[in-house]
Amino acid sequence: MTARRGERGAASLLVTACVGLLLLVGSALAVVGAMVAAHRSAQAAADLAALSGAAAMGSGGDACATAGAVAQDNRARLVGCEVDNRVVTVEVEVSGPRWLGQDHDFTAEARAGPTGASAASS
């Protein structure tokens, strides 16, 4: 079976379109993956900062200063720290991916303190 003269090269156009679509989908998945990784990184930094702050407070140190140092060690910025009834609550921010015009930063919050302690309700 042979192709008609007017249909020559039609497969090349179809293959080019499919490759372009695959590249677009792959790029979108890479951006979403990077955003998920940044969010997980923010949450991990918040968890570590809160735990470190609570441990420092338990040994007589400055909870918020320790939490800030731990957040910075994890490439995050401490944007909030509160100590209430021996419970340390921190909020950190991590820069998100800067691909394809994305400029979203991710924040995460964590609390830590001794067992049985709870922050007072507002």
PDB file of N, CA and C in Angstrom:
ATOM      1  N   MET A   1       0.837  -1.160   0.000  1.00  0.00           N
ATOM      2  CA  MET A   1       0.000   0.000   0.000  1.00  0.00           C
ATOM      3  C   MET A   1       0.894   1.239   0.000  1.00  0.00           C
ATOM      4  N   THR A   2       0.621   2.169  -0.831  1.00  0.00           N
ATOM      5  CA  THR A   2       1.421   3.393  -0.923  1.00  0.00           C
ATOM      6  C   THR A   2       0.547   4.592  -0.591  1.00  0.00           C
ATOM      7  N   ALA A   3       1.213   5.604  -0.070  1.00  0.00           N
ATOM      8  CA  ALA A   3       0.492   6.825   0.295  1.00  0.00           C
ATOM      9  C   ALA A   3       0.196   7.642  -0.948  1.00  0.00           C
ATOM     10  N   ARG A   4      -0.904   8.341  -0.900  1.00  0.00           N
ATOM     11  CA  ARG A   4      -1.216   9.234  -2.001  1.00  0.00           C
ATOM     12  C   ARG A   4      -0.297  10.433  -1.942  1.00  0.00           C
ATOM     13  N   ARG A   5      -0.123  11.082  -3.056  1.00  0.00           N
ATOM     14  CA  ARG A   5       0.818  12.202  -3.143  1.00  0.00           C
ATOM     15  C   ARG A   5       0.469  13.334  -2.184  1.00  0.00           C
ATOM     16  N   GLY A   6      -0.765  13.654  -1.950  1.00  0.00           N
ATOM     17  CA  GLY A   6      -1.162  14.763  -1.092  1.00  0.00           C
ATOM     18  C   GLY A   6      -0.972  14.481   0.400  1.00  0.00           C
ATOM     19  N   GLU A   7      -0.760  13.214   0.755  1.00  0.00           N
ATOM     20  CA  GLU A   7      -0.619  12.846   2.158  1.00  0.00           C
ATOM     21  C   GLU A   7       0.832  12.673   2.576  1.00  0.00           C
ATOM     22  N   ARG A   8       1.744  12.925   1.718  1.00  0.00           N
ATOM     23  CA  ARG A   8       3.167  12.773   2.059  1.00  0.00           C
ATOM     24  C   ARG A   8       3.560  13.747   3.148  1.00  0.00           C
ATOM     25  N   GLY A   9       4.253  13.272   4.193  1.00  0.00           N
ATOM     26  CA  GLY A   9       4.725  14.129   5.277  1.00  0.00           C
ATOM     27  C   GLY A   9       3.706  14.343   6.383  1.00  0.00           C
ATOM     28  N   ALA A  10       2.512  13.784   6.265  1.00  0.00           N
ATOM     29  CA  ALA A  10       1.493  13.970   7.301  1.00  0.00           C
ATOM     30  C   ALA A  10       1.911  13.312   8.614  1.00  0.00           C
ATOM     31  N   ALA A  11       2.609  12.190   8.548  1.00  0.00           N
ATOM     32  CA  ALA A  11       3.065  11.506   9.762  1.00  0.00           C
ATOM     33  C   ALA A  11       4.103  12.350  10.497  1.00  0.00           C
ATOM     34  N   SER A  12       4.947  13.051   9.768  1.00  0.00           N
ATOM     35  CA  SER A  12       5.962  13.906  10.405  1.00  0.00           C
ATOM     36  C   SER A  12       5.293  14.999  11.234  1.00  0.00           C
ATOM     37  N   LEU A  13       4.250  15.583  10.718  1.00  0.00           N
ATOM     38  CA  LEU A  13       3.521  16.618  11.443  1.00  0.00           C
ATOM     39  C   LEU A  13       2.871  16.041  12.702  1.00  0.00           C
ATOM     40  N   LEU A  14       2.302  14.856  12.592  1.00  0.00           N
ATOM     41  CA  LEU A  14       1.669  14.205  13.735  1.00  0.00           C
ATOM     42  C   LEU A  14       2.701  13.863  14.812  1.00  0.00           C
ATOM     43  N   VAL A  15       3.844  13.338  14.410  1.00  0.00           N
ATOM     44  CA  VAL A  15       4.903  12.998  15.363  1.00  0.00           C
ATOM     45  C   VAL A  15       5.420  14.264  16.047  1.00  0.00           C
ATOM     46  N   THR A  16       5.608  15.336  15.300  1.00  0.00           N
ATOM     47  CA  THR A  16       6.074  16.597  15.870  1.00  0.00           C
ATOM     48  C   THR A  16       5.071  17.129  16.897  1.00  0.00           C
ATOM     49  N   ALA A  17       3.799  17.051  16.596  1.00  0.00           N
ATOM     50  CA  ALA A  17       2.766  17.503  17.532  1.00  0.00           C
ATOM     51  C   ALA A  17       2.765  16.647  18.797  1.00  0.00           C
ATOM     52  N   CYS A  18       2.902  15.339  18.645  1.00  0.00           N
ATOM     53  CA  CYS A  18       2.927  14.444  19.809  1.00  0.00           C
ATOM     54  C   CYS A  18       4.152  14.701  20.686  1.00  0.00           C
ATOM     55  N   VAL A  19       5.307  14.909  20.074  1.00  0.00           N
ATOM     56  CA  VAL A  19       6.523  15.201  20.839  1.00  0.00           C
ATOM     57  C   VAL A  19       6.365  16.524  21.584  1.00  0.00           C
ATOM     58  N   GLY A  20       5.811  17.523  20.934  1.00  0.00           N
ATOM     59  CA  GLY A  20       5.572  18.808  21.594  1.00  0.00           C
ATOM     60  C   GLY A  20       4.632  18.666  22.775  1.00  0.00           C
ATOM     61  N   LEU A  21       3.573  17.890  22.608  1.00  0.00           N
ATOM     62  CA  LEU A  21       2.629  17.658  23.695  1.00  0.00           C
ATOM     63  C   LEU A  21       3.300  16.934  24.861  1.00  0.00           C
ATOM     64  N   LEU A  22       4.118  15.935  24.555  1.00  0.00           N
ATOM     65  CA  LEU A  22       4.831  15.218  25.612  1.00  0.00           C
ATOM     66  C   LEU A  22       5.798  16.136  26.365  1.00  0.00           C
ATOM     67  N   LEU A  23       6.474  17.026  25.643  1.00  0.00           N
ATOM     68  CA  LEU A  23       7.375  17.978  26.297  1.00  0.00           C
ATOM     69  C   LEU A  23       6.601  18.932  27.208  1.00  0.00           C
ATOM     70  N   LEU A  24       5.459  19.381  26.760  1.00  0.00           N
ATOM     71  CA  LEU A  24       4.632  20.275  27.569  1.00  0.00           C
ATOM     72  C   LEU A  24       4.143  19.578  28.836  1.00  0.00           C
ATOM     73  N   VAL A  25       3.648  18.362  28.702  1.00  0.00           N
ATOM     74  CA  VAL A  25       3.168  17.607  29.861  1.00  0.00           C
ATOM     75  C   VAL A  25       4.326  17.300  30.811  1.00  0.00           C
ATOM     76  N   GLY A  26       5.476  16.936  30.259  1.00  0.00           N
ATOM     77  CA  GLY A  26       6.647  16.662  31.094  1.00  0.00           C
ATOM     78  C   GLY A  26       7.096  17.885  31.870  1.00  0.00           C
ATOM     79  N   SER A  27       7.082  19.037  31.222  1.00  0.00           N
ATOM     80  CA  SER A  27       7.460  20.282  31.906  1.00  0.00           C
ATOM     81  C   SER A  27       6.477  20.607  33.025  1.00  0.00           C
ATOM     82  N   ALA A  28       5.197  20.435  32.757  1.00  0.00           N
ATOM     83  CA  ALA A  28       4.184  20.704  33.782  1.00  0.00           C
ATOM     84  C   ALA A  28       4.349  19.760  34.972  1.00  0.00           C
ATOM     85  N   LEU A  29       4.623  18.497  34.703  1.00  0.00           N
ATOM     86  CA  LEU A  29       4.838  17.543  35.790  1.00  0.00           C
ATOM     87  C   LEU A  29       6.090  17.879  36.592  1.00  0.00           C
ATOM     88  N   ALA A  30       7.124  18.361  35.928  1.00  0.00           N
ATOM     89  CA  ALA A  30       8.348  18.754  36.633  1.00  0.00           C
ATOM     90  C   ALA A  30       8.079  19.930  37.569  1.00  0.00           C
ATOM     91  N   VAL A  31       7.302  20.898  37.114  1.00  0.00           N
ATOM     92  CA  VAL A  31       6.972  22.054  37.958  1.00  0.00           C
ATOM     93  C   VAL A  31       6.132  21.615  39.152  1.00  0.00           C
ATOM     94  N   VAL A  32       5.139  20.778  38.917  1.00  0.00           N
ATOM     95  CA  VAL A  32       4.297  20.295  40.014  1.00  0.00           C
ATOM     96  C   VAL A  32       5.137  19.487  41.004  1.00  0.00           C
ATOM     97  N   GLY A  33       6.028  18.645  40.493  1.00  0.00           N
ATOM     98  CA  GLY A  33       6.912  17.872  41.370  1.00  0.00           C
ATOM     99  C   GLY A  33       7.802  18.762  42.216  1.00  0.00           C
ATOM    100  N   ALA A  34       8.335  19.816  41.609  1.00  0.00           N
ATOM    101  CA  ALA A  34       9.186  20.752  42.352  1.00  0.00           C
ATOM    102  C   ALA A  34       8.376  21.500  43.408  1.00  0.00           C
ATOM    103  N   MET A  35       7.125  21.816  43.101  1.00  0.00           N
ATOM    104  CA  MET A  35       6.270  22.501  44.074  1.00  0.00           C
ATOM    105  C   MET A  35       5.949  21.583  45.257  1.00  0.00           C
ATOM    106  N   VAL A  36       5.680  20.324  44.983  1.00  0.00           N
ATOM    107  CA  VAL A  36       5.414  19.364  46.059  1.00  0.00           C
ATOM    108  C   VAL A  36       6.659  19.203  46.928  1.00  0.00           C
ATOM    109  N   ALA A  37       7.825  19.106  46.292  1.00  0.00           N
ATOM    110  CA  ALA A  37       9.075  18.966  47.047  1.00  0.00           C
ATOM    111  C   ALA A  37       9.329  20.193  47.921  1.00  0.00           C
ATOM    112  N   ALA A  38       9.045  21.382  47.408  1.00  0.00           N
ATOM    113  CA  ALA A  38       9.239  22.605  48.194  1.00  0.00           C
ATOM    114  C   ALA A  38       8.283  22.641  49.385  1.00  0.00           C
ATOM    115  N   HIS A  39       7.052  22.206  49.176  1.00  0.00           N
ATOM    116  CA  HIS A  39       6.093  22.173  50.284  1.00  0.00           C
ATOM    117  C   HIS A  39       6.536  21.184  51.354  1.00  0.00           C
ATOM    118  N   ARG A  40       7.003  20.026  50.936  1.00  0.00           N
ATOM    119  CA  ARG A  40       7.490  19.027  51.897  1.00  0.00           C
ATOM    120  C   ARG A  40       8.716  19.547  52.646  1.00  0.00           C
ATOM    121  N   SER A  41       9.572  20.249  51.944  1.00  0.00           N
ATOM    122  CA  SER A  41      10.758  20.836  52.568  1.00  0.00           C
ATOM    123  C   SER A  41      10.360  21.872  53.619  1.00  0.00           C
ATOM    124  N   ALA A  42       9.360  22.681  53.298  1.00  0.00           N
ATOM    125  CA  ALA A  42       8.874  23.680  54.254  1.00  0.00           C
ATOM    126  C   ALA A  42       8.313  23.004  55.497  1.00  0.00           C
ATOM    127  N   GLN A  43       7.542  21.944  55.316  1.00  0.00           N
ATOM    128  CA  GLN A  43       6.957  21.263  56.473  1.00  0.00           C
ATOM    129  C   GLN A  43       8.030  20.593  57.316  1.00  0.00           C
ATOM    130  N   ALA A  44       9.021  19.990  56.675  1.00  0.00           N
ATOM    131  CA  ALA A  44      10.112  19.361  57.424  1.00  0.00           C
ATOM    132  C   ALA A  44      10.894  20.401  58.222  1.00  0.00           C
ATOM    133  N   ALA A  45      11.161  21.548  57.611  1.00  0.00           N
ATOM    134  CA  ALA A  45      11.885  22.617  58.310  1.00  0.00           C
ATOM    135  C   ALA A  45      11.075  23.135  59.491  1.00  0.00           C
ATOM    136  N   ALA A  46       9.767  23.275  59.314  1.00  0.00           N
ATOM    137  CA  ALA A  46       8.908  23.738  60.410  1.00  0.00           C
ATOM    138  C   ALA A  46       8.895  22.728  61.555  1.00  0.00           C
ATOM    139  N   ASP A  47       8.776  21.458  61.218  1.00  0.00           N
ATOM    140  CA  ASP A  47       8.769  20.421  62.249  1.00  0.00           C
ATOM    141  C   ASP A  47      10.072  20.420  63.042  1.00  0.00           C
ATOM    142  N   LEU A  48      11.193  20.463  62.325  1.00  0.00           N
ATOM    143  CA  LEU A  48      12.490  20.463  63.005  1.00  0.00           C
ATOM    144  C   LEU A  48      12.692  21.715  63.850  1.00  0.00           C
ATOM    145  N   ALA A  49      12.267  22.858  63.328  1.00  0.00           N
ATOM    146  CA  ALA A  49      12.420  24.110  64.072  1.00  0.00           C
ATOM    147  C   ALA A  49      11.588  24.085  65.351  1.00  0.00           C
ATOM    148  N   ALA A  50      10.359  23.592  65.266  1.00  0.00           N
ATOM    149  CA  ALA A  50       9.500  23.532  66.453  1.00  0.00           C
ATOM    150  C   ALA A  50      10.066  22.574  67.493  1.00  0.00           C
ATOM    151  N   LEU A  51      10.516  21.413  67.053  1.00  0.00           N
ATOM    152  CA  LEU A  51      11.092  20.450  67.990  1.00  0.00           C
ATOM    153  C   LEU A  51      12.362  20.992  68.638  1.00  0.00           C
ATOM    154  N   SER A  52      13.200  21.637  67.848  1.00  0.00           N
ATOM    155  CA  SER A  52      14.436  22.213  68.391  1.00  0.00           C
ATOM    156  C   SER A  52      14.132  23.343  69.365  1.00  0.00           C
ATOM    157  N   GLY A  53      13.147  24.160  69.028  1.00  0.00           N
ATOM    158  CA  GLY A  53      12.752  25.235  69.932  1.00  0.00           C
ATOM    159  C   GLY A  53      12.226  24.705  71.251  1.00  0.00           C
ATOM    160  N   ALA A  54      11.420  23.656  71.187  1.00  0.00           N
ATOM    161  CA  ALA A  54      10.882  23.062  72.411  1.00  0.00           C
ATOM    162  C   ALA A  54      11.997  22.439  73.245  1.00  0.00           C
ATOM    163  N   ALA A  55      12.952  21.793  72.586  1.00  0.00           N
ATOM    164  CA  ALA A  55      14.078  21.200  73.310  1.00  0.00           C
ATOM    165  C   ALA A  55      14.930  22.286  73.964  1.00  0.00           C
ATOM    166  N   ALA A  56      15.158  23.380  73.250  1.00  0.00           N
ATOM    167  CA  ALA A  56      15.942  24.485  73.812  1.00  0.00           C
ATOM    168  C   ALA A  56      15.226  25.104  75.004  1.00  0.00           C
ATOM    169  N   MET A  57      13.916  25.255  74.887  1.00  0.00           N
ATOM    170  CA  MET A  57      13.141  25.828  75.982  1.00  0.00           C
ATOM    171  C   MET A  57      13.211  24.915  77.207  1.00  0.00           C
ATOM    172  N   GLY A  58      13.183  23.614  76.973  1.00  0.00           N
ATOM    173  CA  GLY A  58      13.258  22.656  78.076  1.00  0.00           C
ATOM    174  C   GLY A  58      14.580  22.709  78.814  1.00  0.00           C
ATOM    175  N   SER A  59      15.643  23.115  78.122  1.00  0.00           N
ATOM    176  CA  SER A  59      16.957  23.206  78.773  1.00  0.00           C
ATOM    177  C   SER A  59      17.308  24.642  79.159  1.00  0.00           C
ATOM    178  N   GLY A  60      16.330  25.539  79.112  1.00  0.00           N
ATOM    179  CA  GLY A  60      16.537  26.912  79.551  1.00  0.00           C
ATOM    180  C   GLY A  60      17.014  27.869  78.478  1.00  0.00           C
ATOM    181  N   GLY A  61      17.031  27.453  77.218  1.00  0.00           N
ATOM    182  CA  GLY A  61      17.480  28.319  76.127  1.00  0.00           C
ATOM    183  C   GLY A  61      16.344  29.122  75.518  1.00  0.00           C
ATOM    184  N   ASP A  62      16.695  29.921  74.520  1.00  0.00           N
ATOM    185  CA  ASP A  62      15.713  30.744  73.804  1.00  0.00           C
ATOM    186  C   ASP A  62      15.094  29.911  72.678  1.00  0.00           C
ATOM    187  N   ALA A  63      13.817  29.581  72.818  1.00  0.00           N
ATOM    188  CA  ALA A  63      13.142  28.702  71.868  1.00  0.00           C
ATOM    189  C   ALA A  63      13.108  29.296  70.467  1.00  0.00           C
ATOM    190  N   CYS A  64      12.762  30.563  70.352  1.00  0.00           N
ATOM    191  CA  CYS A  64      12.604  31.175  69.029  1.00  0.00           C
ATOM    192  C   CYS A  64      13.941  31.377  68.327  1.00  0.00           C
ATOM    193  N   ALA A  65      14.985  31.712  69.078  1.00  0.00           N
ATOM    194  CA  ALA A  65      16.308  31.866  68.463  1.00  0.00           C
ATOM    195  C   ALA A  65      16.805  30.527  67.934  1.00  0.00           C
ATOM    196  N   THR A  66      16.600  29.476  68.706  1.00  0.00           N
ATOM    197  CA  THR A  66      17.006  28.143  68.264  1.00  0.00           C
ATOM    198  C   THR A  66      16.192  27.708  67.058  1.00  0.00           C
ATOM    199  N   ALA A  67      14.889  27.948  67.092  1.00  0.00           N
ATOM    200  CA  ALA A  67      14.028  27.586  65.959  1.00  0.00           C
ATOM    201  C   ALA A  67      14.454  28.326  64.701  1.00  0.00           C
ATOM    202  N   GLY A  68      14.801  29.603  64.835  1.00  0.00           N
ATOM    203  CA  GLY A  68      15.255  30.385  63.686  1.00  0.00           C
ATOM    204  C   GLY A  68      16.542  29.847  63.099  1.00  0.00           C
ATOM    205  N   ALA A  69      17.478  29.459  63.959  1.00  0.00           N
ATOM    206  CA  ALA A  69      18.748  28.907  63.476  1.00  0.00           C
ATOM    207  C   ALA A  69      18.532  27.580  62.758  1.00  0.00           C
ATOM    208  N   VAL A  70      17.669  26.733  63.306  1.00  0.00           N
ATOM    209  CA  VAL A  70      17.395  25.439  62.673  1.00  0.00           C
ATOM    210  C   VAL A  70      16.668  25.636  61.344  1.00  0.00           C
ATOM    211  N   ALA A  71      15.734  26.569  61.299  1.00  0.00           N
ATOM    212  CA  ALA A  71      15.036  26.851  60.037  1.00  0.00           C
ATOM    213  C   ALA A  71      16.027  27.326  58.979  1.00  0.00           C
ATOM    214  N   GLN A  72      16.934  28.203  59.365  1.00  0.00           N
ATOM    215  CA  GLN A  72      17.929  28.714  58.417  1.00  0.00           C
ATOM    216  C   GLN A  72      18.850  27.592  57.941  1.00  0.00           C
ATOM    217  N   ASP A  73      19.209  26.673  58.831  1.00  0.00           N
ATOM    218  CA  ASP A  73      20.037  25.528  58.438  1.00  0.00           C
ATOM    219  C   ASP A  73      19.326  24.644  57.421  1.00  0.00           C
ATOM    220  N   ASN A  74      18.002  24.697  57.412  1.00  0.00           N
ATOM    221  CA  ASN A  74      17.206  23.904  56.472  1.00  0.00           C
ATOM    222  C   ASN A  74      16.709  24.735  55.297  1.00  0.00           C
ATOM    223  N   ARG A  75      17.379  25.830  55.004  1.00  0.00           N
ATOM    224  CA  ARG A  75      17.070  26.720  53.879  1.00  0.00           C
ATOM    225  C   ARG A  75      15.635  27.245  53.924  1.00  0.00           C
ATOM    226  N   ALA A  76      15.219  27.626  55.118  1.00  0.00           N
ATOM    227  CA  ALA A  76      13.886  28.207  55.315  1.00  0.00           C
ATOM    228  C   ALA A  76      14.041  29.494  56.123  1.00  0.00           C
ATOM    229  N   ARG A  77      13.014  30.326  56.066  1.00  0.00           N
ATOM    230  CA  ARG A  77      12.987  31.571  56.839  1.00  0.00           C
ATOM    231  C   ARG A  77      11.922  31.446  57.924  1.00  0.00           C
ATOM    232  N   LEU A  78      12.304  31.769  59.143  1.00  0.00           N
ATOM    233  CA  LEU A  78      11.343  31.763  60.241  1.00  0.00           C
ATOM    234  C   LEU A  78      10.523  33.042  60.141  1.00  0.00           C
ATOM    235  N   VAL A  79       9.222  32.915  59.904  1.00  0.00           N
ATOM    236  CA  VAL A  79       8.366  34.097  59.765  1.00  0.00           C
ATOM    237  C   VAL A  79       7.466  34.301  60.980  1.00  0.00           C
ATOM    238  N   GLY A  80       7.425  33.320  61.858  1.00  0.00           N
ATOM    239  CA  GLY A  80       6.626  33.463  63.064  1.00  0.00           C
ATOM    240  C   GLY A  80       7.053  32.466  64.118  1.00  0.00           C
ATOM    241  N   CYS A  81       7.091  32.914  65.354  1.00  0.00           N
ATOM    242  CA  CYS A  81       7.436  32.028  66.469  1.00  0.00           C
ATOM    243  C   CYS A  81       6.688  32.517  67.700  1.00  0.00           C
ATOM    244  N   GLU A  82       6.035  31.599  68.367  1.00  0.00           N
ATOM    245  CA  GLU A  82       5.263  31.950  69.560  1.00  0.00           C
ATOM    246  C   GLU A  82       5.426  30.846  70.597  1.00  0.00           C
ATOM    247  N   VAL A  83       5.650  31.246  71.822  1.00  0.00           N
ATOM    248  CA  VAL A  83       5.723  30.300  72.937  1.00  0.00           C
ATOM    249  C   VAL A  83       4.536  30.587  73.844  1.00  0.00           C
ATOM    250  N   ASP A  84       3.678  29.589  74.007  1.00  0.00           N
ATOM    251  CA  ASP A  84       2.474  29.749  74.818  1.00  0.00           C
ATOM    252  C   ASP A  84       2.278  28.496  75.663  1.00  0.00           C
ATOM    253  N   ASN A  85       2.357  28.651  76.973  1.00  0.00           N
ATOM    254  CA  ASN A  85       2.143  27.529  77.888  1.00  0.00           C
ATOM    255  C   ASN A  85       3.079  26.361  77.568  1.00  0.00           C
ATOM    256  N   ARG A  86       4.341  26.660  77.356  1.00  0.00           N
ATOM    257  CA  ARG A  86       5.415  25.699  77.057  1.00  0.00           C
ATOM    258  C   ARG A  86       5.257  25.011  75.705  1.00  0.00           C
ATOM    259  N   VAL A  87       4.398  25.516  74.845  1.00  0.00           N
ATOM    260  CA  VAL A  87       4.231  24.989  73.488  1.00  0.00           C
ATOM    261  C   VAL A  87       4.823  25.999  72.510  1.00  0.00           C
ATOM    262  N   VAL A  88       5.731  25.523  71.673  1.00  0.00           N
ATOM    263  CA  VAL A  88       6.384  26.375  70.676  1.00  0.00           C
ATOM    264  C   VAL A  88       5.662  26.186  69.344  1.00  0.00           C
ATOM    265  N   THR A  89       5.172  27.275  68.775  1.00  0.00           N
ATOM    266  CA  THR A  89       4.530  27.247  67.461  1.00  0.00           C
ATOM    267  C   THR A  89       5.368  28.095  66.518  1.00  0.00           C
ATOM    268  N   VAL A  90       5.792  27.496  65.410  1.00  0.00           N
ATOM    269  CA  VAL A  90       6.624  28.218  64.445  1.00  0.00           C
ATOM    270  C   VAL A  90       5.962  28.189  63.076  1.00  0.00           C
ATOM    271  N   GLU A  91       6.271  29.201  62.288  1.00  0.00           N
ATOM    272  CA  GLU A  91       5.852  29.257  60.889  1.00  0.00           C
ATOM    273  C   GLU A  91       7.089  29.593  60.073  1.00  0.00           C
ATOM    274  N   VAL A  92       7.347  28.781  59.047  1.00  0.00           N
ATOM    275  CA  VAL A  92       8.516  29.001  58.194  1.00  0.00           C
ATOM    276  C   VAL A  92       8.068  29.174  56.756  1.00  0.00           C
ATOM    277  N   GLU A  93       8.950  29.752  55.959  1.00  0.00           N
ATOM    278  CA  GLU A  93       8.673  29.987  54.541  1.00  0.00           C
ATOM    279  C   GLU A  93       9.855  29.478  53.730  1.00  0.00           C
ATOM    280  N   VAL A  94       9.548  28.788  52.638  1.00  0.00           N
ATOM    281  CA  VAL A  94      10.559  28.251  51.725  1.00  0.00           C
ATOM    282  C   VAL A  94      10.243  28.764  50.330  1.00  0.00           C
ATOM    283  N   SER A  95      11.265  29.160  49.606  1.00  0.00           N
ATOM    284  CA  SER A  95      11.067  29.622  48.225  1.00  0.00           C
ATOM    285  C   SER A  95      10.646  28.453  47.347  1.00  0.00           C
ATOM    286  N   GLY A  96       9.647  28.681  46.525  1.00  0.00           N
ATOM    287  CA  GLY A  96       9.199  27.667  45.591  1.00  0.00           C
ATOM    288  C   GLY A  96      10.020  27.712  44.313  1.00  0.00           C
ATOM    289  N   PRO A  97       9.733  26.824  43.378  1.00  0.00           N
ATOM    290  CA  PRO A  97      10.470  26.816  42.112  1.00  0.00           C
ATOM    291  C   PRO A  97      10.207  28.097  41.324  1.00  0.00           C
ATOM    292  N   ARG A  98      11.183  28.546  40.610  1.00  0.00           N
ATOM    293  CA  ARG A  98      11.078  29.782  39.828  1.00  0.00           C
ATOM    294  C   ARG A  98      11.045  29.477  38.332  1.00  0.00           C
ATOM    295  N   TRP A  99      10.437  28.372  37.961  1.00  0.00           N
ATOM    296  CA  TRP A  99      10.351  27.958  36.566  1.00  0.00           C
ATOM    297  C   TRP A  99       9.060  28.465  35.949  1.00  0.00           C
ATOM    298  N   LEU A 100       9.093  28.712  34.684  1.00  0.00           N
ATOM    299  CA  LEU A 100       7.901  29.042  33.895  1.00  0.00           C
ATOM    300  C   LEU A 100       7.057  30.144  34.541  1.00  0.00           C
ATOM    301  N   GLY A 101       7.724  31.113  35.132  1.00  0.00           N
ATOM    302  CA  GLY A 101       7.002  32.241  35.702  1.00  0.00           C
ATOM    303  C   GLY A 101       6.412  32.004  37.079  1.00  0.00           C
ATOM    304  N   GLN A 102       6.649  30.849  37.669  1.00  0.00           N
ATOM    305  CA  GLN A 102       6.133  30.577  39.010  1.00  0.00           C
ATOM    306  C   GLN A 102       6.948  31.364  40.024  1.00  0.00           C
ATOM    307  N   ASP A 103       6.309  32.002  40.983  1.00  0.00           N
ATOM    308  CA  ASP A 103       7.036  32.719  42.028  1.00  0.00           C
ATOM    309  C   ASP A 103       6.372  32.529  43.390  1.00  0.00           C
ATOM    310  N   HIS A 104       5.800  31.378  43.600  1.00  0.00           N
ATOM    311  CA  HIS A 104       5.067  31.095  44.829  1.00  0.00           C
ATOM    312  C   HIS A 104       6.020  30.584  45.907  1.00  0.00           C
ATOM    313  N   ASP A 105       5.936  31.146  47.112  1.00  0.00           N
ATOM    314  CA  ASP A 105       6.689  30.652  48.256  1.00  0.00           C
ATOM    315  C   ASP A 105       5.743  29.822  49.119  1.00  0.00           C
ATOM    316  N   PHE A 106       6.300  28.833  49.787  1.00  0.00           N
ATOM    317  CA  PHE A 106       5.488  27.912  50.573  1.00  0.00           C
ATOM    318  C   PHE A 106       5.719  28.138  52.059  1.00  0.00           C
ATOM    319  N   THR A 107       4.650  28.154  52.818  1.00  0.00           N
ATOM    320  CA  THR A 107       4.753  28.292  54.268  1.00  0.00           C
ATOM    321  C   THR A 107       4.242  27.018  54.927  1.00  0.00           C
ATOM    322  N   ALA A 108       4.770  26.761  56.104  1.00  0.00           N
ATOM    323  CA  ALA A 108       4.328  25.608  56.883  1.00  0.00           C
ATOM    324  C   ALA A 108       4.379  25.989  58.351  1.00  0.00           C
ATOM    325  N   GLU A 109       3.526  25.378  59.118  1.00  0.00           N
ATOM    326  CA  GLU A 109       3.440  25.657  60.549  1.00  0.00           C
ATOM    327  C   GLU A 109       3.569  24.353  61.316  1.00  0.00           C
ATOM    328  N   ALA A 110       4.212  24.427  62.476  1.00  0.00           N
ATOM    329  CA  ALA A 110       4.344  23.251  63.337  1.00  0.00           C
ATOM    330  C   ALA A 110       4.363  23.705  64.787  1.00  0.00           C
ATOM    331  N   ARG A 111       3.927  22.810  65.673  1.00  0.00           N
ATOM    332  CA  ARG A 111       3.986  23.098  67.105  1.00  0.00           C
ATOM    333  C   ARG A 111       4.619  21.911  67.808  1.00  0.00           C
ATOM    334  N   ALA A 112       5.298  22.223  68.893  1.00  0.00           N
ATOM    335  CA  ALA A 112       5.927  21.176  69.693  1.00  0.00           C
ATOM    336  C   ALA A 112       5.992  21.644  71.137  1.00  0.00           C
ATOM    337  N   GLY A 113       5.897  20.693  72.023  1.00  0.00           N
ATOM    338  CA  GLY A 113       5.977  20.993  73.448  1.00  0.00           C
ATOM    339  C   GLY A 113       5.911  19.703  74.236  1.00  0.00           C
ATOM    340  N   PRO A 114       5.940  19.803  75.533  1.00  0.00           N
ATOM    341  CA  PRO A 114       5.885  18.598  76.350  1.00  0.00           C
ATOM    342  C   PRO A 114       4.524  17.910  76.242  1.00  0.00           C
ATOM    343  N   THR A 115       4.521  16.624  76.484  1.00  0.00           N
ATOM    344  CA  THR A 115       3.287  15.857  76.440  1.00  0.00           C
ATOM    345  C   THR A 115       2.304  16.403  77.466  1.00  0.00           C
ATOM    346  N   GLY A 116       1.085  16.596  77.044  1.00  0.00           N
ATOM    347  CA  GLY A 116       0.050  17.091  77.938  1.00  0.00           C
ATOM    348  C   GLY A 116      -0.103  18.600  77.939  1.00  0.00           C
ATOM    349  N   ALA A 117       0.879  19.320  77.413  1.00  0.00           N
ATOM    350  CA  ALA A 117       0.772  20.788  77.355  1.00  0.00           C
ATOM    351  C   ALA A 117      -0.024  21.166  76.122  1.00  0.00           C
ATOM    352  N   SER A 118      -0.819  22.197  76.241  1.00  0.00           N
ATOM    353  CA  SER A 118      -1.549  22.683  75.074  1.00  0.00           C
ATOM    354  C   SER A 118      -1.560  24.194  75.099  1.00  0.00           C
ATOM    355  N   ALA A 119      -1.542  24.772  73.912  1.00  0.00           N
ATOM    356  CA  ALA A 119      -1.566  26.232  73.806  1.00  0.00           C
ATOM    357  C   ALA A 119      -2.946  26.729  74.207  1.00  0.00           C
ATOM    358  N   ALA A 120      -2.984  27.872  74.847  1.00  0.00           N
ATOM    359  CA  ALA A 120      -4.263  28.465  75.250  1.00  0.00           C
ATOM    360  C   ALA A 120      -5.044  28.882  74.019  1.00  0.00           C
ATOM    361  N   SER A 121      -6.345  28.677  74.051  1.00  0.00           N
ATOM    362  CA  SER A 121      -7.184  29.067  72.915  1.00  0.00           C
ATOM    363  C   SER A 121      -7.368  30.568  72.902  1.00  0.00           C
ATOM    364  N   SER A 122      -7.446  31.139  71.708  1.00  0.00           N
ATOM    365  CA  SER A 122      -7.639  32.594  71.579  1.00  0.00           C
ATOM    366  C   SER A 122      -9.085  32.944  71.728  1.00  0.00           C
TER     367      SER A 122
END
